Amino acid sequence: MPEISDKELSPTVRPYWLKALAAVEVQNYPYAVTLLQAILKEHPGFLAGRELLRKSEGILSGGPKKKQKIFGLETGGGVSMKLQSSAKKDPAATVTLIEKELEKDPYNDALNDLLHDCLVKMDLFDSAAFALETVRKGHPDQTKAMHKLALFYLERNRADLAGDVYNDILKADPTDGKAVKGAKDCAAQHSMQRQNWSEQSSVRDLMKDQSEFQELEQASRAGMTKDQLLEKRDRLIERYNQDPNHLGHAKDLAAIFEQLEDWENATTFYDWAFSLSNGDAALKTKARQMSDRFISYQINALKAAVEADPDNAELRAQLDEVLHSRTAEMVANAKQRVDENPTDPQLRFELGSALYQAGDFSAAIPHLQQAKGNPHIRTKVLLLLGRTFKAKSMFDLALKQLGDALAELHAMDNTKKEVLYEKGVIHEDMGDHSSALDCFKQIYEVDYGYRDVAHRVESSYA
């Protein structure tokens, strides 16, 4: 059974994930737990969901629980014989039962230990590691679980992670001989791995690795598939881990996250690269752009959740709250950038976009008008200006902006399709069905599947 990302969730389950994200965003943790439990029952290999579930449960339960002692012996926190028996017969079904128990005590060492064993039998190794990592985080004095975790990492050639676990064991018990030896062995093994050298390696092996990396670099310039990008990301992470303070490594990693549209990590690494540089303004700008895109992604995810469950008043209220706070944050960030560099048309466009998203259409117009001077973004600016005038019911001015944009667009790319579609909708709102149909037909001729143009065009012939 493979572990999956949120993009691999089934269509019926994905809306619940979006609702869970929305619930956590507004701190409605009980609702989030209910949703996440249901998601994991369907997709036990969804690690991000399990991590968010545990985080929510931890907040609700008040954190790790201290075990009581009677006559010096710890009590409570054990696993029932029924669960242990079930784990041997049907580990997948047992995982759901364990998760229900963990809801009350998410850091329980015995339950997480059994969860680890079940997930290993299901070949969900990252999730299995997370189960023991939960014990490590909640009960740093539980060295038995940590020894098991260190061995688990070693079996998967992760001496670096195993070494960290052994070091944590020594913090709890400096006299632990196995941990002392384990920490030393892991340090030596990780050192060899960092140098790409082992007893079996040779200069030819190292040259082969370098050649493969160069091939990936060349491929990135020629355009890469998603799998190639992920492979390159993993290699860049490996290189970054060897020297986290290397500016070039941080920039390369930020760029690959941007290509993968992982806006949160892109923001983190552009910020880190900026801190490593001598105040490189371009890196700071990049970090802010990535932050804005991450906020937009979160907002769109919440909107999708509401669309999937339109009668959910609580979810709609959560969306309104998040929209208000996130859009305000985007506007504040964009204003700060413009204040720092008021003559940059790109920054004016970003501020105009943020104000448009916030519903402050009148304030957006002057910034968008100033941004028209940049030929590289002019058509996008005109499109947004058209939408802004449309939002103010100034349809004639909106059509003028969109017409100017079309005059500069020759190839039928996505921008031209957007402009034509927006123009068609405005014509329809004005009652000019002939002009509207002409816009939709231009898209229909080259892209049958674009939005609802097929329905609009074909229904006109009925």
Protein backbone atom coordinates (compact mmCIF):
# COMPACT_ATOMS: atom_id res chain seq x y z
CA MET A 1 0.00 0.00 0.00
CA PRO A 2 1.63 3.28 -1.07
CA GLU A 3 1.69 6.48 0.93
CA ILE A 4 -0.10 9.33 -0.84
CA SER A 5 -0.24 13.11 -0.97
CA ASP A 6 -3.36 15.28 -0.83
CA LYS A 7 -3.42 15.43 -4.64
CA GLU A 8 -3.88 11.65 -4.74
CA LEU A 9 -6.94 11.59 -2.49
CA SER A 10 -10.05 10.16 -4.13
CA PRO A 11 -12.55 12.73 -5.49
CA THR A 12 -15.09 11.77 -2.82
CA VAL A 13 -12.62 12.25 0.03
CA ARG A 14 -10.74 15.36 -1.09
CA PRO A 15 -13.60 17.77 -0.11
CA TYR A 16 -13.34 16.47 3.47
CA TRP A 17 -9.61 17.27 3.48
CA LEU A 18 -10.36 20.83 2.39
CA LYS A 19 -12.98 21.10 5.13
CA ALA A 20 -10.46 19.80 7.68
CA LEU A 21 -7.93 22.44 6.62
CA ALA A 22 -10.60 25.09 6.96
CA ALA A 23 -11.57 23.83 10.41
CA VAL A 24 -7.96 23.91 11.65
CA GLU A 25 -7.50 27.39 10.18
CA VAL A 26 -10.24 28.73 12.49
CA GLN A 27 -9.26 26.44 15.39
CA ASN A 28 -12.36 24.23 15.18
CA TYR A 29 -10.31 21.20 16.19
CA PRO A 30 -13.15 18.80 17.19
CA TYR A 31 -14.65 19.10 13.71
CA ALA A 32 -11.19 18.67 12.14
CA VAL A 33 -10.58 15.48 14.14
CA THR A 34 -13.89 13.99 13.02
CA LEU A 35 -13.12 14.73 9.37
CA LEU A 36 -9.53 13.49 9.54
CA GLN A 37 -10.52 10.24 11.21
CA ALA A 38 -12.91 9.57 8.31
CA ILE A 39 -10.24 10.45 5.72
CA LEU A 40 -7.64 8.13 7.26
CA LYS A 41 -10.13 5.27 7.43
CA GLU A 42 -10.40 5.56 3.65
CA HIS A 43 -6.74 6.45 2.98
CA PRO A 44 -4.49 5.12 5.80
CA GLY A 45 -1.41 6.06 3.75
CA PHE A 46 -2.22 9.79 3.83
CA LEU A 47 0.61 10.93 6.10
CA ALA A 48 -0.19 14.66 5.98
CA GLY A 49 -3.68 13.87 7.23
CA ARG A 50 -2.33 11.76 10.10
CA GLU A 51 0.10 14.52 11.07
CA LEU A 52 -2.68 17.13 11.10
CA LEU A 53 -4.92 14.78 13.07
CA ARG A 54 -2.27 14.27 15.72
CA LYS A 55 -1.62 18.01 15.95
CA SER A 56 -5.34 18.72 16.43
CA GLU A 57 -5.69 15.95 19.01
CA GLY A 58 -2.65 17.24 20.87
CA ILE A 59 -4.21 20.69 21.18
CA LEU A 60 -7.55 19.29 22.31
CA SER A 61 -6.02 16.93 24.87
CA GLY A 62 -3.72 19.56 26.33
CA GLY A 63 -0.51 17.77 25.33
CA PRO A 64 1.25 14.64 26.59
CA LYS A 65 -0.20 13.09 29.73
CA LYS A 66 2.01 12.24 32.67
CA LYS A 67 1.76 8.66 33.85
CA GLN A 68 0.87 8.00 37.46
CA LYS A 69 3.08 5.73 39.53
CA ILE A 70 2.12 3.26 42.22
CA PHE A 71 4.97 1.84 44.27
CA GLY A 72 7.39 3.24 41.70
CA LEU A 73 5.70 1.49 38.76
CA GLU A 74 3.98 3.35 35.92
CA THR A 75 0.26 2.65 35.46
CA GLY A 76 -2.19 3.24 32.63
CA GLY A 77 -1.54 3.72 28.98
CA GLY A 78 -1.41 0.02 28.07
CA VAL A 79 -2.92 -1.69 25.06
CA SER A 80 -5.85 -4.07 25.41
CA MET A 81 -5.46 -7.73 24.49
CA LYS A 82 -8.26 -7.23 21.96
CA LEU A 83 -6.24 -4.62 20.06
CA GLN A 84 -3.07 -6.72 20.16
CA SER A 85 -4.95 -9.73 18.82
CA SER A 86 -6.62 -7.65 16.13
CA ALA A 87 -3.25 -6.22 15.02
CA LYS A 88 -1.97 -9.71 14.23
CA LYS A 89 -5.03 -10.69 12.19
CA ASP A 90 -5.97 -7.42 10.42
CA PRO A 91 -3.49 -4.54 10.83
CA ALA A 92 -5.41 -2.22 8.49
CA ALA A 93 -8.63 -2.49 10.48
CA THR A 94 -6.69 -2.18 13.74
CA VAL A 95 -5.17 1.14 12.65
CA THR A 96 -8.66 2.68 12.62
CA LEU A 97 -9.35 1.33 16.14
CA ILE A 98 -6.01 2.62 17.44
CA GLU A 99 -6.66 6.06 15.98
CA LYS A 100 -9.94 6.23 17.88
CA GLU A 101 -8.09 5.45 21.13
CA LEU A 102 -5.34 7.98 20.35
CA GLU A 103 -8.00 10.68 20.12
CA LYS A 104 -8.06 10.69 23.93
CA ASP A 105 -4.29 10.39 24.42
CA PRO A 106 -2.43 11.12 21.15
CA TYR A 107 1.04 10.70 22.68
CA ASN A 108 0.32 7.33 24.31
CA ASP A 109 3.52 5.30 23.90
CA ALA A 110 1.96 1.83 23.87
CA LEU A 111 -0.73 2.76 21.34
CA ASN A 112 1.74 4.51 19.06
CA ASP A 113 4.08 1.53 19.30
CA LEU A 114 1.30 -0.80 18.14
CA LEU A 115 0.30 1.69 15.44
CA HIS A 116 3.92 1.63 14.21
CA ASP A 117 3.88 -2.17 13.95
CA CYS A 118 0.59 -2.18 12.03
CA LEU A 119 1.78 0.47 9.58
CA VAL A 120 5.02 -1.42 8.94
CA LYS A 121 2.98 -4.51 8.00
CA MET A 122 1.08 -2.28 5.55
CA ASP A 123 4.38 -1.01 4.03
CA LEU A 124 3.58 2.55 5.17
CA PHE A 125 7.08 3.23 6.44
CA ASP A 126 6.97 7.03 6.71
CA SER A 127 3.72 6.82 8.64
CA ALA A 128 5.24 4.10 10.84
CA ALA A 129 8.18 6.38 11.65
CA PHE A 130 5.75 9.18 12.49
CA ALA A 131 4.03 6.98 15.09
CA LEU A 132 7.27 6.55 17.03
CA GLU A 133 8.28 10.17 16.40
CA THR A 134 5.08 11.12 18.21
CA VAL A 135 6.28 9.24 21.30
CA ARG A 136 9.72 10.81 20.96
CA LYS A 137 8.14 14.26 20.92
CA GLY A 138 5.61 13.68 23.69
CA HIS A 139 7.69 11.50 26.03
CA PRO A 140 11.40 12.24 25.51
CA ASP A 141 12.18 10.04 28.52
CA GLN A 142 10.69 6.91 26.88
CA THR A 143 13.98 5.54 25.58
CA LYS A 144 12.58 2.13 24.67
CA ALA A 145 10.45 3.61 21.88
CA MET A 146 13.37 5.77 20.73
CA HIS A 147 15.73 2.77 20.49
CA LYS A 148 13.12 1.09 18.29
CA LEU A 149 12.87 4.23 16.15
CA ALA A 150 16.65 4.49 15.73
CA LEU A 151 16.88 0.87 14.56
CA PHE A 152 13.98 1.48 12.19
CA TYR A 153 15.85 4.40 10.61
CA LEU A 154 19.06 2.37 10.34
CA GLU A 155 17.23 -0.41 8.51
CA ARG A 156 16.33 2.23 5.92
CA ASN A 157 19.86 3.64 5.59
CA ARG A 158 19.02 6.87 7.42
CA ALA A 159 21.99 7.06 9.74
CA ASP A 160 21.51 10.82 10.06
CA LEU A 161 18.03 10.42 11.54
CA ALA A 162 19.05 7.47 13.69
CA GLY A 163 21.96 9.50 15.07
CA ASP A 164 19.60 12.30 16.09
CA VAL A 165 17.42 9.79 17.95
CA TYR A 166 20.41 8.28 19.78
CA ASN A 167 21.51 11.78 20.83
CA ASP A 168 18.05 12.41 22.25
CA ILE A 169 18.26 9.13 24.19
CA LEU A 170 21.54 10.30 25.71
CA LYS A 171 19.89 13.52 26.84
CA ALA A 172 17.40 11.41 28.80
CA ASP A 173 19.96 8.84 29.97
CA PRO A 174 23.66 9.74 29.52
CA THR A 175 24.66 6.27 30.80
CA ASP A 176 22.86 4.36 28.02
CA GLY A 177 25.71 2.32 26.50
CA LYS A 178 23.78 1.24 23.40
CA ALA A 179 22.93 4.86 22.63
CA VAL A 180 26.56 5.95 23.09
CA LYS A 181 27.76 3.32 20.62
CA GLY A 182 24.83 3.94 18.29
CA ALA A 183 25.48 7.68 18.15
CA LYS A 184 29.16 7.13 17.29
CA ASP A 185 28.40 4.49 14.63
CA CYS A 186 25.73 6.68 13.04
CA ALA A 187 28.03 9.69 12.94
CA ALA A 188 30.69 7.65 11.11
CA GLN A 189 28.16 6.08 8.74
CA HIS A 190 26.52 9.43 7.95
CA SER A 191 29.93 10.98 7.32
CA MET A 192 30.60 8.34 4.68
CA GLN A 193 27.19 8.87 3.13
CA ARG A 194 27.78 12.62 2.95
CA GLN A 195 31.00 12.06 1.07
CA ASN A 196 29.24 9.64 -1.29
CA TRP A 197 31.82 7.04 -0.30
CA SER A 198 31.60 3.52 1.11
CA GLU A 199 33.54 0.30 0.98
CA GLN A 200 31.92 -0.55 -2.36
CA SER A 201 32.14 2.90 -3.93
CA SER A 202 34.72 4.02 -6.44
CA VAL A 203 35.75 7.13 -8.30
CA ARG A 204 33.70 5.89 -11.25
CA ASP A 205 30.59 5.68 -9.03
CA LEU A 206 31.10 9.27 -7.87
CA MET A 207 31.63 10.50 -11.42
CA LYS A 208 28.41 8.71 -12.46
CA ASP A 209 26.45 10.49 -9.70
CA GLN A 210 27.89 13.84 -10.74
CA SER A 211 27.00 13.13 -14.37
CA GLU A 212 23.40 12.30 -13.39
CA PHE A 213 23.12 15.54 -11.46
CA GLN A 214 24.41 17.51 -14.45
CA GLU A 215 21.81 15.78 -16.62
CA LEU A 216 19.10 16.91 -14.23
CA GLU A 217 20.41 20.47 -14.35
CA GLN A 218 20.30 20.43 -18.15
CA ALA A 219 16.82 18.90 -18.11
CA SER A 220 15.55 21.69 -15.86
CA ARG A 221 16.43 24.21 -18.51
CA ALA A 222 14.70 22.20 -21.21
CA GLY A 223 11.51 21.60 -19.19
CA MET A 224 11.00 18.74 -16.75
CA THR A 225 8.23 16.33 -15.91
CA LYS A 226 6.72 16.26 -12.41
CA ASP A 227 8.65 13.07 -11.56
CA GLN A 228 11.92 14.64 -12.74
CA LEU A 229 11.24 17.75 -10.66
CA LEU A 230 10.59 15.61 -7.58
CA GLU A 231 13.80 13.67 -8.20
CA LYS A 232 15.74 16.90 -8.53
CA ARG A 233 14.09 18.25 -5.36
CA ASP A 234 15.23 15.20 -3.40
CA ARG A 235 18.80 15.59 -4.64
CA LEU A 236 18.82 19.29 -3.82
CA ILE A 237 17.52 18.54 -0.31
CA GLU A 238 20.37 16.06 0.14
CA ARG A 239 22.88 18.66 -0.99
CA TYR A 240 21.29 21.36 1.17
CA ASN A 241 21.42 19.14 4.28
CA GLN A 242 25.18 18.88 3.87
CA ASP A 243 25.57 22.65 4.16
CA PRO A 244 22.38 24.53 5.13
CA ASN A 245 24.23 27.86 5.22
CA HIS A 246 25.26 27.73 1.56
CA LEU A 247 23.42 30.53 -0.28
CA GLY A 248 23.41 28.71 -3.63
CA HIS A 249 21.91 25.57 -2.13
CA ALA A 250 19.12 27.54 -0.44
CA LYS A 251 18.32 29.43 -3.67
CA ASP A 252 18.26 26.25 -5.75
CA LEU A 253 15.93 24.56 -3.29
CA ALA A 254 13.63 27.60 -3.18
CA ALA A 255 13.47 27.61 -6.98
CA ILE A 256 12.57 23.91 -7.24
CA PHE A 257 9.80 24.33 -4.67
CA GLU A 258 8.50 27.26 -6.73
CA GLN A 259 8.50 25.07 -9.87
CA LEU A 260 6.56 22.43 -7.96
CA GLU A 261 4.10 25.11 -6.80
CA ASP A 262 4.89 24.24 -3.18
CA TRP A 263 4.39 27.85 -2.15
CA GLU A 264 4.86 27.31 1.60
CA ASN A 265 8.31 25.73 1.29
CA ALA A 266 9.27 28.17 -1.48
CA THR A 267 8.52 31.03 0.91
CA THR A 268 10.59 29.44 3.66
CA PHE A 269 13.68 28.90 1.52
CA TYR A 270 13.56 32.25 -0.30
CA ASP A 271 13.37 33.87 3.14
CA TRP A 272 16.32 31.77 4.31
CA ALA A 273 18.30 32.61 1.16
CA PHE A 274 17.63 36.31 1.78
CA SER A 275 18.96 36.01 5.33
CA LEU A 276 22.11 34.32 3.98
CA SER A 277 22.64 36.99 1.31
CA ASN A 278 23.87 40.53 1.79
CA GLY A 279 20.35 41.94 1.72
CA ASP A 280 19.48 40.76 -1.80
CA ALA A 281 16.22 42.61 -2.48
CA ALA A 282 15.28 40.23 -5.32
CA LEU A 283 15.22 37.29 -2.89
CA LYS A 284 13.06 39.22 -0.44
CA THR A 285 10.63 40.06 -3.23
CA LYS A 286 10.52 36.41 -4.24
CA ALA A 287 9.76 35.35 -0.67
CA ARG A 288 6.86 37.79 -0.47
CA GLN A 289 5.49 36.64 -3.83
CA MET A 290 5.58 33.03 -2.68
CA SER A 291 3.85 34.00 0.56
CA ASP A 292 1.06 35.69 -1.39
CA ARG A 293 0.64 32.62 -3.60
CA PHE A 294 0.47 30.38 -0.54
CA ILE A 295 -2.26 32.57 0.94
CA SER A 296 -4.15 32.45 -2.37
CA TYR A 297 -3.81 28.66 -2.42
CA GLN A 298 -5.26 28.41 1.09
CA ILE A 299 -8.15 30.69 0.19
CA ASN A 300 -8.93 28.72 -2.97
CA ALA A 301 -8.86 25.47 -0.99
CA LEU A 302 -11.38 26.89 1.46
CA LYS A 303 -13.58 28.13 -1.39
CA ALA A 304 -13.53 24.65 -2.90
CA ALA A 305 -14.59 23.20 0.45
CA VAL A 306 -17.55 25.57 0.59
CA GLU A 307 -18.51 24.74 -3.00
CA ALA A 308 -18.42 21.05 -2.12
CA ASP A 309 -20.76 21.64 0.84
CA PRO A 310 -22.72 24.85 0.09
CA ASP A 311 -25.31 24.30 2.84
CA ASN A 312 -22.69 24.20 5.60
CA ALA A 313 -23.19 27.55 7.33
CA GLU A 314 -20.35 26.92 9.77
CA LEU A 315 -17.89 26.27 6.94
CA ARG A 316 -19.04 29.38 5.08
CA ALA A 317 -18.51 31.46 8.22
CA GLN A 318 -15.01 30.02 8.53
CA LEU A 319 -14.30 30.97 4.93
CA ASP A 320 -15.48 34.54 5.49
CA GLU A 321 -13.25 34.85 8.53
CA VAL A 322 -10.20 33.45 6.75
CA LEU A 323 -10.84 35.55 3.64
CA HIS A 324 -10.91 38.69 5.73
CA SER A 325 -7.69 37.95 7.61
CA ARG A 326 -5.74 36.52 4.66
CA THR A 327 -6.68 39.20 2.15
CA ALA A 328 -5.82 41.89 4.70
CA GLU A 329 -2.42 40.24 5.11
CA MET A 330 -1.88 40.17 1.33
CA VAL A 331 -2.77 43.86 1.01
CA ALA A 332 -0.45 44.82 3.87
CA ASN A 333 2.44 42.85 2.33
CA ALA A 334 1.85 44.38 -1.11
CA LYS A 335 1.63 47.92 0.29
CA GLN A 336 4.92 47.44 2.09
CA ARG A 337 6.60 46.37 -1.16
CA VAL A 338 5.24 49.40 -3.02
CA ASP A 339 6.39 51.73 -0.23
CA GLU A 340 9.89 50.28 -0.55
CA ASN A 341 9.94 50.62 -4.35
CA PRO A 342 7.10 52.88 -5.57
CA THR A 343 8.26 53.02 -9.22
CA ASP A 344 8.14 49.26 -9.85
CA PRO A 345 5.10 48.44 -12.09
CA GLN A 346 5.18 44.75 -11.06
CA LEU A 347 4.74 45.71 -7.41
CA ARG A 348 1.92 48.08 -8.36
CA PHE A 349 0.22 45.19 -10.16
CA GLU A 350 0.59 42.94 -7.12
CA LEU A 351 -0.92 45.63 -4.87
CA GLY A 352 -3.76 46.20 -7.33
CA SER A 353 -4.40 42.43 -7.42
CA ALA A 354 -4.44 42.23 -3.61
CA LEU A 355 -6.87 45.15 -3.35
CA TYR A 356 -9.08 43.54 -6.00
CA GLN A 357 -9.12 40.27 -4.04
CA ALA A 358 -10.03 42.26 -0.93
CA GLY A 359 -12.98 43.83 -2.76
CA ASP A 360 -11.54 47.36 -2.64
CA PHE A 361 -12.01 47.95 -6.37
CA SER A 362 -11.69 51.75 -6.37
CA ALA A 363 -8.36 51.58 -4.53
CA ALA A 364 -7.10 48.93 -6.96
CA ILE A 365 -7.67 51.01 -10.12
CA PRO A 366 -4.87 53.64 -9.80
CA HIS A 367 -2.25 50.98 -9.01
CA LEU A 368 -3.31 48.86 -11.97
CA GLN A 369 -3.26 51.92 -14.24
CA GLN A 370 0.32 52.65 -13.20
CA ALA A 371 1.28 49.02 -13.81
CA LYS A 372 0.19 49.22 -17.49
CA GLY A 373 3.57 50.78 -18.29
CA ASN A 374 5.34 47.41 -18.01
CA PRO A 375 5.02 45.66 -21.41
CA HIS A 376 5.79 42.26 -19.89
CA ILE A 377 2.65 42.27 -17.74
CA ARG A 378 0.49 44.75 -19.66
CA THR A 379 -2.10 42.24 -20.94
CA LYS A 380 -2.54 40.71 -17.48
CA VAL A 381 -2.97 44.20 -16.04
CA LEU A 382 -5.58 45.08 -18.66
CA LEU A 383 -7.46 41.85 -17.91
CA LEU A 384 -7.58 42.64 -14.20
CA LEU A 385 -8.55 46.25 -14.90
CA GLY A 386 -11.41 44.95 -17.01
CA ARG A 387 -12.56 42.73 -14.16
CA THR A 388 -12.26 45.62 -11.72
CA PHE A 389 -14.44 47.92 -13.86
CA LYS A 390 -16.89 45.03 -14.31
CA ALA A 391 -17.10 44.63 -10.52
CA LYS A 392 -18.09 48.33 -10.36
CA SER A 393 -20.71 47.75 -13.12
CA MET A 394 -18.76 50.07 -15.44
CA PHE A 395 -19.19 47.72 -18.39
CA ASP A 396 -18.14 50.13 -21.17
CA LEU A 397 -14.80 50.83 -19.48
CA ALA A 398 -14.33 47.12 -18.80
CA LEU A 399 -14.84 46.28 -22.49
CA LYS A 400 -12.33 48.98 -23.46
CA GLN A 401 -9.59 47.40 -21.29
CA LEU A 402 -10.32 43.91 -22.58
CA GLY A 403 -10.39 45.13 -26.19
CA ASP A 404 -6.97 46.77 -25.71
CA ALA A 405 -5.65 43.50 -24.30
CA LEU A 406 -6.97 41.48 -27.25
CA ALA A 407 -5.30 43.87 -29.70
CA GLU A 408 -1.94 42.89 -28.18
CA LEU A 409 -2.61 39.16 -27.93
CA HIS A 410 -2.03 37.10 -31.06
CA ALA A 411 -1.57 33.46 -30.02
CA MET A 412 -4.58 31.78 -28.40
CA ASP A 413 -2.91 31.17 -25.05
CA ASN A 414 -4.57 30.96 -21.63
CA THR A 415 -4.44 34.74 -21.14
CA LYS A 416 -6.28 35.38 -24.42
CA LYS A 417 -8.89 32.76 -23.51
CA GLU A 418 -9.44 34.47 -20.16
CA VAL A 419 -9.81 37.88 -21.83
CA LEU A 420 -12.26 36.56 -24.43
CA TYR A 421 -14.30 34.71 -21.81
CA GLU A 422 -14.48 37.76 -19.55
CA LYS A 423 -15.46 39.95 -22.50
CA GLY A 424 -18.15 37.46 -23.53
CA VAL A 425 -19.66 37.42 -20.04
CA ILE A 426 -19.81 41.24 -19.96
CA HIS A 427 -21.51 41.36 -23.37
CA GLU A 428 -24.04 38.84 -22.07
CA ASP A 429 -24.65 40.92 -18.94
CA MET A 430 -25.31 43.90 -21.20
CA GLY A 431 -27.78 41.88 -23.30
CA ASP A 432 -25.52 41.78 -26.37
CA HIS A 433 -25.83 38.04 -26.99
CA SER A 434 -24.37 38.17 -30.50
CA SER A 435 -21.09 39.75 -29.38
CA ALA A 436 -20.96 37.38 -26.40
CA LEU A 437 -21.38 34.34 -28.62
CA ASP A 438 -18.63 35.59 -30.94
CA CYS A 439 -16.19 35.67 -28.00
CA PHE A 440 -17.17 32.19 -26.82
CA LYS A 441 -16.92 30.75 -30.34
CA GLN A 442 -13.31 31.93 -30.70
CA ILE A 443 -12.42 29.87 -27.65
CA TYR A 444 -14.62 26.93 -28.69
CA GLU A 445 -12.77 26.63 -32.01
CA VAL A 446 -9.45 25.90 -30.29
CA ASP A 447 -10.35 24.57 -26.82
CA TYR A 448 -13.62 22.65 -26.54
CA GLY A 449 -13.05 21.92 -22.83
CA TYR A 450 -12.45 25.49 -21.65
CA ARG A 451 -14.82 26.27 -18.77
CA ASP A 452 -18.45 26.15 -20.02
CA VAL A 453 -17.91 27.54 -23.54
CA ALA A 454 -19.05 24.29 -25.17
CA HIS A 455 -22.41 24.51 -23.40
CA ARG A 456 -22.77 28.22 -24.18
CA VAL A 457 -21.97 27.80 -27.88
CA GLU A 458 -23.88 24.57 -28.51
CA SER A 459 -27.01 25.73 -26.66
CA SER A 460 -27.17 28.74 -29.03
CA TYR A 461 -27.87 26.32 -31.89
CA ALA A 462 -30.68 24.52 -30.10
